[in-house]
Amino acid sequence: MDALENITYDELHVGDSATYTRTLTEQEIVLFAAVSGDINPVHLDAEYAQSTVFKERIGHGMWSGALISAALATVIPGPGTIYLEQQLSFKRPVKLNDILTVTLTVTEKLSKKRVVLDCAIHNQNGVLVVEGQAKVIAPDEKISLERPTLPAISISGDH
């Protein structure tokens, strides 16, 4: 069983950290555009993107933000976490096929099971692309469950 297990509020300590890694693929860009409605041509149109400061297509900033959400939900604190706040600063563009690693580090434990975590996302070259801070309500009960199987989704056509 590929299990998801949380870290409860009582188990968390300032300085604890964990990582989550994902690659920005063509499919990720197109599906994120479809789900979010963000069809800015800098993400989808190579010819247009060539005329921008980036000189190529880039990923949606909030796709990177969504990786932080995924890390909070699946790694630290994990299942049962309630996301309350997020501050983000986009430092560098994320490019097609970049491998992003989210690092979450507990910086504060507050009352009412609130936890503050520093969030940093680096690409495969170690370059910081996003940084910020999240506040969550950490779970108070231990949860271990099987990782859900998601449907295979593919895109078709040229994008």
N, C-alpha and C. Protein backbone atom coordinates (compact mmCIF):
# COMPACT_ATOMS: atom_id res chain seq x y z
N MET A 1 0.85 -1.19 0.00
CA MET A 1 0.00 0.00 0.00
C MET A 1 0.89 1.25 0.00
N ASP A 2 0.60 2.16 -0.92
CA ASP A 2 1.27 3.45 -0.95
C ASP A 2 0.47 4.37 -0.04
N ALA A 3 0.91 4.51 1.20
CA ALA A 3 0.11 5.21 2.21
C ALA A 3 0.47 6.69 2.31
N LEU A 4 -0.53 7.45 2.69
CA LEU A 4 -0.35 8.84 3.08
C LEU A 4 -0.52 8.87 4.59
N GLU A 5 0.46 9.39 5.29
CA GLU A 5 0.38 9.47 6.75
C GLU A 5 0.73 10.89 7.17
N ASN A 6 -0.05 11.41 8.10
CA ASN A 6 0.19 12.79 8.52
C ASN A 6 1.15 12.88 9.69
N ILE A 7 1.50 14.10 10.00
CA ILE A 7 2.29 14.43 11.18
C ILE A 7 1.38 15.34 12.00
N THR A 8 1.01 14.92 13.19
CA THR A 8 0.06 15.69 13.99
C THR A 8 0.72 16.92 14.58
N TYR A 9 -0.11 17.83 15.05
CA TYR A 9 0.37 19.06 15.68
C TYR A 9 1.37 18.74 16.80
N ASP A 10 1.04 17.76 17.63
CA ASP A 10 1.92 17.42 18.75
C ASP A 10 3.25 16.82 18.28
N GLU A 11 3.27 16.19 17.12
CA GLU A 11 4.50 15.59 16.58
C GLU A 11 5.40 16.60 15.85
N LEU A 12 4.83 17.73 15.44
CA LEU A 12 5.60 18.74 14.70
C LEU A 12 6.48 19.55 15.64
N HIS A 13 7.67 19.89 15.14
CA HIS A 13 8.62 20.71 15.90
C HIS A 13 9.19 21.79 14.99
N VAL A 14 9.46 22.95 15.56
CA VAL A 14 10.11 24.01 14.79
C VAL A 14 11.41 23.45 14.22
N GLY A 15 11.61 23.69 12.94
CA GLY A 15 12.79 23.17 12.25
C GLY A 15 12.52 21.93 11.42
N ASP A 16 11.41 21.22 11.70
CA ASP A 16 11.05 20.06 10.89
C ASP A 16 10.82 20.51 9.44
N SER A 17 11.27 19.70 8.49
CA SER A 17 11.04 20.04 7.09
C SER A 17 10.83 18.79 6.27
N ALA A 18 10.26 19.00 5.10
CA ALA A 18 10.01 17.90 4.17
C ALA A 18 9.97 18.47 2.76
N THR A 19 10.11 17.59 1.76
CA THR A 19 10.12 18.03 0.37
C THR A 19 9.07 17.28 -0.44
N TYR A 20 8.75 17.88 -1.58
CA TYR A 20 7.80 17.34 -2.55
C TYR A 20 8.31 17.77 -3.92
N THR A 21 8.38 16.85 -4.88
CA THR A 21 8.96 17.16 -6.19
C THR A 21 7.99 16.84 -7.31
N ARG A 22 7.98 17.71 -8.33
CA ARG A 22 7.11 17.51 -9.48
C ARG A 22 7.74 18.19 -10.70
N THR A 23 7.49 17.64 -11.87
CA THR A 23 8.00 18.19 -13.13
C THR A 23 6.89 18.92 -13.88
N LEU A 24 7.22 20.10 -14.41
CA LEU A 24 6.26 20.85 -15.23
C LEU A 24 6.31 20.32 -16.65
N THR A 25 5.28 19.59 -17.03
CA THR A 25 5.19 19.02 -18.37
C THR A 25 4.21 19.82 -19.23
N GLU A 26 4.23 19.54 -20.50
CA GLU A 26 3.25 20.14 -21.43
C GLU A 26 1.84 19.85 -20.93
N GLN A 27 1.61 18.63 -20.52
CA GLN A 27 0.28 18.24 -20.04
C GLN A 27 -0.11 19.03 -18.79
N GLU A 28 0.83 19.23 -17.88
CA GLU A 28 0.54 20.01 -16.66
C GLU A 28 0.12 21.44 -17.03
N ILE A 29 0.86 22.08 -17.95
CA ILE A 29 0.53 23.45 -18.35
C ILE A 29 -0.86 23.52 -18.95
N VAL A 30 -1.16 22.65 -19.88
CA VAL A 30 -2.45 22.70 -20.57
C VAL A 30 -3.59 22.38 -19.61
N LEU A 31 -3.42 21.36 -18.79
CA LEU A 31 -4.49 21.01 -17.85
C LEU A 31 -4.68 22.10 -16.80
N PHE A 32 -3.60 22.71 -16.32
CA PHE A 32 -3.75 23.80 -15.35
C PHE A 32 -4.48 24.97 -16.00
N ALA A 33 -4.17 25.28 -17.24
CA ALA A 33 -4.88 26.34 -17.96
C ALA A 33 -6.37 26.01 -18.07
N ALA A 34 -6.67 24.76 -18.39
CA ALA A 34 -8.06 24.35 -18.53
C ALA A 34 -8.81 24.43 -17.20
N VAL A 35 -8.20 23.96 -16.14
CA VAL A 35 -8.85 23.94 -14.84
C VAL A 35 -8.98 25.34 -14.26
N SER A 36 -7.93 26.16 -14.40
CA SER A 36 -7.93 27.49 -13.79
C SER A 36 -8.61 28.55 -14.65
N GLY A 37 -8.63 28.33 -15.96
CA GLY A 37 -9.14 29.35 -16.88
C GLY A 37 -8.07 30.37 -17.26
N ASP A 38 -6.85 30.22 -16.75
CA ASP A 38 -5.76 31.13 -17.06
C ASP A 38 -5.14 30.72 -18.39
N ILE A 39 -5.57 31.38 -19.46
CA ILE A 39 -5.08 31.04 -20.80
C ILE A 39 -4.16 32.12 -21.35
N ASN A 40 -3.43 32.78 -20.45
CA ASN A 40 -2.44 33.77 -20.86
C ASN A 40 -1.53 33.12 -21.91
N PRO A 41 -1.35 33.77 -23.06
CA PRO A 41 -0.55 33.15 -24.12
C PRO A 41 0.91 32.90 -23.74
N VAL A 42 1.43 33.56 -22.72
CA VAL A 42 2.82 33.29 -22.31
C VAL A 42 2.97 31.84 -21.82
N HIS A 43 1.85 31.22 -21.44
CA HIS A 43 1.87 29.82 -21.00
C HIS A 43 1.63 28.85 -22.15
N LEU A 44 0.86 29.28 -23.14
CA LEU A 44 0.34 28.34 -24.13
C LEU A 44 0.82 28.55 -25.57
N ASP A 45 1.29 29.73 -25.90
CA ASP A 45 1.61 30.07 -27.29
C ASP A 45 3.11 30.35 -27.43
N ALA A 46 3.84 29.41 -27.99
CA ALA A 46 5.30 29.53 -28.11
C ALA A 46 5.71 30.75 -28.92
N GLU A 47 4.99 31.05 -30.00
CA GLU A 47 5.33 32.20 -30.84
C GLU A 47 5.16 33.50 -30.05
N TYR A 48 4.05 33.63 -29.35
CA TYR A 48 3.83 34.81 -28.51
C TYR A 48 4.90 34.91 -27.42
N ALA A 49 5.15 33.79 -26.74
CA ALA A 49 6.10 33.78 -25.62
C ALA A 49 7.49 34.22 -26.07
N GLN A 50 7.84 33.93 -27.32
CA GLN A 50 9.14 34.33 -27.87
C GLN A 50 9.31 35.85 -27.85
N SER A 51 8.19 36.58 -27.94
CA SER A 51 8.24 38.04 -27.97
C SER A 51 8.26 38.67 -26.58
N THR A 52 8.21 37.85 -25.54
CA THR A 52 8.19 38.35 -24.16
C THR A 52 9.60 38.38 -23.57
N VAL A 53 9.71 38.94 -22.40
CA VAL A 53 10.99 38.99 -21.69
C VAL A 53 11.53 37.58 -21.41
N PHE A 54 10.65 36.58 -21.35
CA PHE A 54 11.06 35.21 -21.04
C PHE A 54 11.62 34.46 -22.25
N LYS A 55 11.24 34.87 -23.46
CA LYS A 55 11.71 34.28 -24.73
C LYS A 55 11.24 32.85 -24.95
N GLU A 56 10.42 32.34 -24.05
CA GLU A 56 9.85 30.99 -24.19
C GLU A 56 8.64 30.88 -23.26
N ARG A 57 7.86 29.84 -23.47
CA ARG A 57 6.69 29.61 -22.62
C ARG A 57 7.15 29.36 -21.19
N ILE A 58 6.33 29.82 -20.24
CA ILE A 58 6.61 29.58 -18.83
C ILE A 58 5.37 28.99 -18.16
N GLY A 59 5.59 28.36 -17.03
CA GLY A 59 4.48 27.80 -16.27
C GLY A 59 3.71 28.87 -15.53
N HIS A 60 2.48 28.55 -15.20
CA HIS A 60 1.64 29.43 -14.38
C HIS A 60 2.26 29.57 -12.99
N GLY A 61 2.33 30.77 -12.48
CA GLY A 61 2.84 30.96 -11.13
C GLY A 61 2.04 30.15 -10.11
N MET A 62 0.74 30.13 -10.28
CA MET A 62 -0.08 29.42 -9.29
C MET A 62 0.02 27.90 -9.42
N TRP A 63 0.56 27.39 -10.53
CA TRP A 63 0.86 25.96 -10.58
C TRP A 63 1.92 25.66 -9.53
N SER A 64 2.92 26.52 -9.44
CA SER A 64 3.93 26.36 -8.40
C SER A 64 3.29 26.46 -7.02
N GLY A 65 2.38 27.42 -6.86
CA GLY A 65 1.67 27.55 -5.59
C GLY A 65 0.86 26.31 -5.26
N ALA A 66 0.29 25.70 -6.28
CA ALA A 66 -0.48 24.47 -6.06
C ALA A 66 0.42 23.33 -5.57
N LEU A 67 1.70 23.36 -5.95
CA LEU A 67 2.62 22.33 -5.44
C LEU A 67 2.82 22.47 -3.94
N ILE A 68 2.81 23.71 -3.45
CA ILE A 68 2.90 23.92 -2.00
C ILE A 68 1.67 23.32 -1.33
N SER A 69 0.51 23.55 -1.90
CA SER A 69 -0.72 22.97 -1.37
C SER A 69 -0.64 21.44 -1.33
N ALA A 70 -0.12 20.86 -2.41
CA ALA A 70 0.02 19.40 -2.47
C ALA A 70 0.97 18.90 -1.39
N ALA A 71 2.08 19.62 -1.19
CA ALA A 71 3.04 19.21 -0.17
C ALA A 71 2.42 19.29 1.23
N LEU A 72 1.68 20.36 1.49
CA LEU A 72 1.01 20.49 2.79
C LEU A 72 0.00 19.37 3.01
N ALA A 73 -0.72 19.01 1.96
CA ALA A 73 -1.78 18.01 2.07
C ALA A 73 -1.28 16.58 2.14
N THR A 74 -0.09 16.33 1.57
CA THR A 74 0.35 14.94 1.47
C THR A 74 1.62 14.62 2.25
N VAL A 75 2.41 15.64 2.62
CA VAL A 75 3.72 15.37 3.23
C VAL A 75 3.83 15.92 4.64
N ILE A 76 3.75 17.24 4.77
CA ILE A 76 3.89 17.87 6.09
C ILE A 76 2.95 19.07 6.19
N PRO A 77 1.98 19.09 7.06
CA PRO A 77 1.62 18.07 8.02
C PRO A 77 0.93 16.84 7.42
N GLY A 78 0.35 16.96 6.21
CA GLY A 78 -0.25 15.80 5.55
C GLY A 78 -1.76 15.75 5.70
N PRO A 79 -2.35 14.56 5.47
CA PRO A 79 -3.81 14.43 5.48
C PRO A 79 -4.44 15.00 6.75
N GLY A 80 -5.52 15.76 6.53
CA GLY A 80 -6.22 16.39 7.64
C GLY A 80 -5.82 17.83 7.86
N THR A 81 -4.81 18.30 7.12
CA THR A 81 -4.35 19.69 7.24
C THR A 81 -5.38 20.63 6.63
N ILE A 82 -5.61 21.76 7.30
CA ILE A 82 -6.49 22.80 6.78
C ILE A 82 -5.62 24.01 6.44
N TYR A 83 -5.65 24.40 5.18
CA TYR A 83 -4.85 25.51 4.64
C TYR A 83 -5.56 26.83 5.00
N LEU A 84 -4.89 27.72 5.70
CA LEU A 84 -5.49 28.99 6.10
C LEU A 84 -4.98 30.20 5.32
N GLU A 85 -3.68 30.28 5.13
CA GLU A 85 -3.08 31.46 4.49
C GLU A 85 -1.87 31.05 3.67
N GLN A 86 -1.57 31.88 2.65
CA GLN A 86 -0.37 31.66 1.85
C GLN A 86 0.14 33.00 1.36
N GLN A 87 1.42 33.25 1.53
CA GLN A 87 2.10 34.41 0.95
C GLN A 87 3.12 33.84 -0.01
N LEU A 88 3.17 34.38 -1.23
CA LEU A 88 4.09 33.89 -2.25
C LEU A 88 4.84 35.03 -2.90
N SER A 89 6.08 34.78 -3.26
CA SER A 89 6.88 35.70 -4.04
C SER A 89 7.52 34.90 -5.17
N PHE A 90 7.20 35.29 -6.41
CA PHE A 90 7.72 34.58 -7.57
C PHE A 90 9.05 35.20 -7.97
N LYS A 91 10.13 34.43 -7.84
CA LYS A 91 11.49 34.94 -8.03
C LYS A 91 12.02 34.75 -9.43
N ARG A 92 11.73 33.63 -10.04
CA ARG A 92 12.23 33.30 -11.38
C ARG A 92 11.14 32.52 -12.12
N PRO A 93 11.16 32.57 -13.46
CA PRO A 93 10.16 31.81 -14.21
C PRO A 93 10.40 30.30 -14.11
N VAL A 94 9.32 29.56 -14.17
CA VAL A 94 9.38 28.10 -14.24
C VAL A 94 9.15 27.73 -15.70
N LYS A 95 10.07 26.95 -16.23
CA LYS A 95 10.04 26.62 -17.65
C LYS A 95 9.59 25.17 -17.86
N LEU A 96 9.13 24.91 -19.06
CA LEU A 96 8.70 23.57 -19.44
C LEU A 96 9.80 22.56 -19.13
N ASN A 97 9.44 21.48 -18.50
CA ASN A 97 10.31 20.38 -18.08
C ASN A 97 11.20 20.69 -16.88
N ASP A 98 11.00 21.85 -16.24
CA ASP A 98 11.69 22.10 -14.98
C ASP A 98 11.20 21.11 -13.93
N ILE A 99 12.11 20.67 -13.11
CA ILE A 99 11.78 19.77 -11.99
C ILE A 99 11.83 20.64 -10.74
N LEU A 100 10.67 20.80 -10.12
CA LEU A 100 10.57 21.67 -8.95
C LEU A 100 10.52 20.86 -7.67
N THR A 101 11.28 21.31 -6.68
CA THR A 101 11.24 20.70 -5.36
C THR A 101 10.77 21.74 -4.36
N VAL A 102 9.64 21.43 -3.72
CA VAL A 102 9.09 22.26 -2.66
C VAL A 102 9.73 21.82 -1.35
N THR A 103 10.23 22.76 -0.58
CA THR A 103 10.71 22.47 0.76
C THR A 103 9.87 23.27 1.74
N LEU A 104 9.23 22.57 2.66
CA LEU A 104 8.43 23.20 3.71
C LEU A 104 9.16 23.02 5.03
N THR A 105 9.26 24.10 5.80
CA THR A 105 9.95 24.06 7.08
C THR A 105 9.08 24.71 8.14
N VAL A 106 8.83 24.00 9.23
CA VAL A 106 8.04 24.54 10.33
C VAL A 106 8.84 25.65 11.01
N THR A 107 8.23 26.85 11.10
CA THR A 107 8.91 27.98 11.75
C THR A 107 8.24 28.41 13.04
N GLU A 108 6.94 28.11 13.19
CA GLU A 108 6.23 28.48 14.41
C GLU A 108 5.11 27.50 14.68
N LYS A 109 4.89 27.24 15.95
CA LYS A 109 3.70 26.51 16.39
C LYS A 109 2.91 27.49 17.25
N LEU A 110 1.68 27.76 16.83
CA LEU A 110 0.83 28.73 17.51
C LEU A 110 -0.30 28.01 18.25
N SER A 111 -1.14 28.76 18.90
CA SER A 111 -2.28 28.17 19.60
C SER A 111 -3.31 27.65 18.59
N LYS A 112 -4.23 26.87 19.06
CA LYS A 112 -5.33 26.32 18.25
C LYS A 112 -4.82 25.50 17.07
N LYS A 113 -3.72 24.80 17.27
CA LYS A 113 -3.13 23.89 16.28
C LYS A 113 -2.65 24.59 15.02
N ARG A 114 -2.45 25.90 15.09
CA ARG A 114 -1.94 26.64 13.93
C ARG A 114 -0.43 26.43 13.83
N VAL A 115 0.03 26.27 12.59
CA VAL A 115 1.45 26.08 12.32
C VAL A 115 1.83 26.98 11.15
N VAL A 116 2.98 27.65 11.26
CA VAL A 116 3.51 28.48 10.19
C VAL A 116 4.69 27.74 9.58
N LEU A 117 4.72 27.69 8.25
CA LEU A 117 5.79 27.00 7.53
C LEU A 117 6.39 27.92 6.48
N ASP A 118 7.72 27.96 6.42
CA ASP A 118 8.39 28.62 5.30
C ASP A 118 8.26 27.70 4.10
N CYS A 119 8.09 28.30 2.93
CA CYS A 119 7.92 27.55 1.68
C CYS A 119 8.98 28.03 0.69
N ALA A 120 9.73 27.11 0.14
CA ALA A 120 10.72 27.45 -0.88
C ALA A 120 10.61 26.43 -2.00
N ILE A 121 10.65 26.92 -3.22
CA ILE A 121 10.63 26.03 -4.38
C ILE A 121 11.88 26.32 -5.20
N HIS A 122 12.65 25.27 -5.45
CA HIS A 122 13.86 25.36 -6.27
C HIS A 122 13.70 24.49 -7.51
N ASN A 123 14.32 24.92 -8.61
CA ASN A 123 14.31 24.09 -9.81
C ASN A 123 15.46 23.09 -9.75
N GLN A 124 15.61 22.30 -10.79
CA GLN A 124 16.61 21.23 -10.84
C GLN A 124 18.04 21.76 -10.78
N ASN A 125 18.22 23.05 -11.01
CA ASN A 125 19.55 23.66 -10.94
C ASN A 125 19.81 24.32 -9.59
N GLY A 126 18.87 24.14 -8.65
CA GLY A 126 19.03 24.72 -7.33
C GLY A 126 18.64 26.19 -7.25
N VAL A 127 18.04 26.71 -8.31
CA VAL A 127 17.65 28.12 -8.36
C VAL A 127 16.29 28.29 -7.65
N LEU A 128 16.24 29.26 -6.73
CA LEU A 128 14.99 29.57 -6.04
C LEU A 128 14.02 30.22 -7.01
N VAL A 129 12.86 29.62 -7.22
CA VAL A 129 11.87 30.17 -8.15
C VAL A 129 10.67 30.77 -7.42
N VAL A 130 10.33 30.24 -6.24
CA VAL A 130 9.22 30.76 -5.45
C VAL A 130 9.59 30.64 -3.98
N GLU A 131 9.21 31.66 -3.21
CA GLU A 131 9.35 31.54 -1.76
C GLU A 131 8.12 32.16 -1.11
N GLY A 132 7.87 31.77 0.12
CA GLY A 132 6.73 32.32 0.81
C GLY A 132 6.55 31.69 2.17
N GLN A 133 5.35 31.84 2.68
CA GLN A 133 5.03 31.33 4.00
C GLN A 133 3.58 30.89 4.00
N ALA A 134 3.31 29.76 4.65
CA ALA A 134 1.95 29.24 4.77
C ALA A 134 1.56 29.14 6.24
N LYS A 135 0.27 29.28 6.49
CA LYS A 135 -0.27 29.02 7.83
C LYS A 135 -1.37 27.96 7.66
N VAL A 136 -1.30 26.94 8.48
CA VAL A 136 -2.26 25.84 8.42
C VAL A 136 -2.77 25.50 9.82
N ILE A 137 -3.85 24.75 9.85
CA ILE A 137 -4.26 24.07 11.07
C ILE A 137 -3.77 22.64 10.90
N ALA A 138 -2.88 22.22 11.77
CA ALA A 138 -2.34 20.86 11.69
C ALA A 138 -3.35 19.88 12.28
N PRO A 139 -3.37 18.67 11.75
CA PRO A 139 -4.29 17.67 12.30
C PRO A 139 -3.90 17.30 13.73
N ASP A 140 -4.92 16.93 14.51
CA ASP A 140 -4.62 16.50 15.88
C ASP A 140 -4.77 15.00 16.06
N GLU A 141 -5.29 14.33 15.04
CA GLU A 141 -5.42 12.87 15.08
C GLU A 141 -4.56 12.26 13.98
N LYS A 142 -3.91 11.15 14.31
CA LYS A 142 -3.07 10.44 13.35
C LYS A 142 -3.96 9.84 12.25
N ILE A 143 -3.55 10.05 11.01
CA ILE A 143 -4.29 9.50 9.86
C ILE A 143 -3.29 8.78 8.97
N SER A 144 -3.65 7.59 8.55
CA SER A 144 -2.89 6.86 7.56
C SER A 144 -3.90 6.25 6.60
N LEU A 145 -3.78 6.59 5.34
CA LEU A 145 -4.73 6.07 4.37
C LEU A 145 -4.05 5.78 3.06
N GLU A 146 -4.70 4.97 2.26
CA GLU A 146 -4.14 4.61 0.97
C GLU A 146 -4.20 5.82 0.04
N ARG A 147 -3.13 6.03 -0.70
CA ARG A 147 -3.08 7.14 -1.66
C ARG A 147 -4.15 6.88 -2.73
N PRO A 148 -5.02 7.86 -2.98
CA PRO A 148 -6.06 7.66 -3.99
C PRO A 148 -5.46 7.45 -5.38
N THR A 149 -6.12 6.66 -6.18
CA THR A 149 -5.73 6.47 -7.56
C THR A 149 -6.51 7.48 -8.39
N LEU A 150 -5.81 8.33 -9.08
CA LEU A 150 -6.46 9.35 -9.90
C LEU A 150 -6.61 8.84 -11.32
N PRO A 151 -7.62 9.34 -12.03
CA PRO A 151 -7.79 8.90 -13.42
C PRO A 151 -6.65 9.41 -14.29
N ALA A 152 -6.31 8.63 -15.29
CA ALA A 152 -5.31 9.06 -16.26
C ALA A 152 -5.98 10.09 -17.16
N ILE A 153 -5.39 11.26 -17.25
CA ILE A 153 -5.94 12.32 -18.08
C ILE A 153 -4.87 12.69 -19.09
N SER A 154 -5.28 12.78 -20.34
CA SER A 154 -4.31 13.16 -21.36
C SER A 154 -4.88 14.27 -22.20
N ILE A 155 -4.00 14.97 -22.85
CA ILE A 155 -4.42 16.03 -23.75
C ILE A 155 -4.23 15.55 -25.16
N SER A 156 -4.98 16.14 -26.06
CA SER A 156 -4.81 15.79 -27.46
C SER A 156 -4.72 17.07 -28.28
N GLY A 157 -4.16 16.97 -29.43
CA GLY A 157 -4.03 18.14 -30.30
C GLY A 157 -2.75 18.89 -30.00
N ASP A 158 -2.48 19.87 -30.83
CA ASP A 158 -1.28 20.68 -30.65
C ASP A 158 -1.60 21.88 -29.78
N HIS A 159 -0.69 22.18 -28.85
CA HIS A 159 -0.88 23.33 -27.97
C HIS A 159 0.35 24.16 -27.92
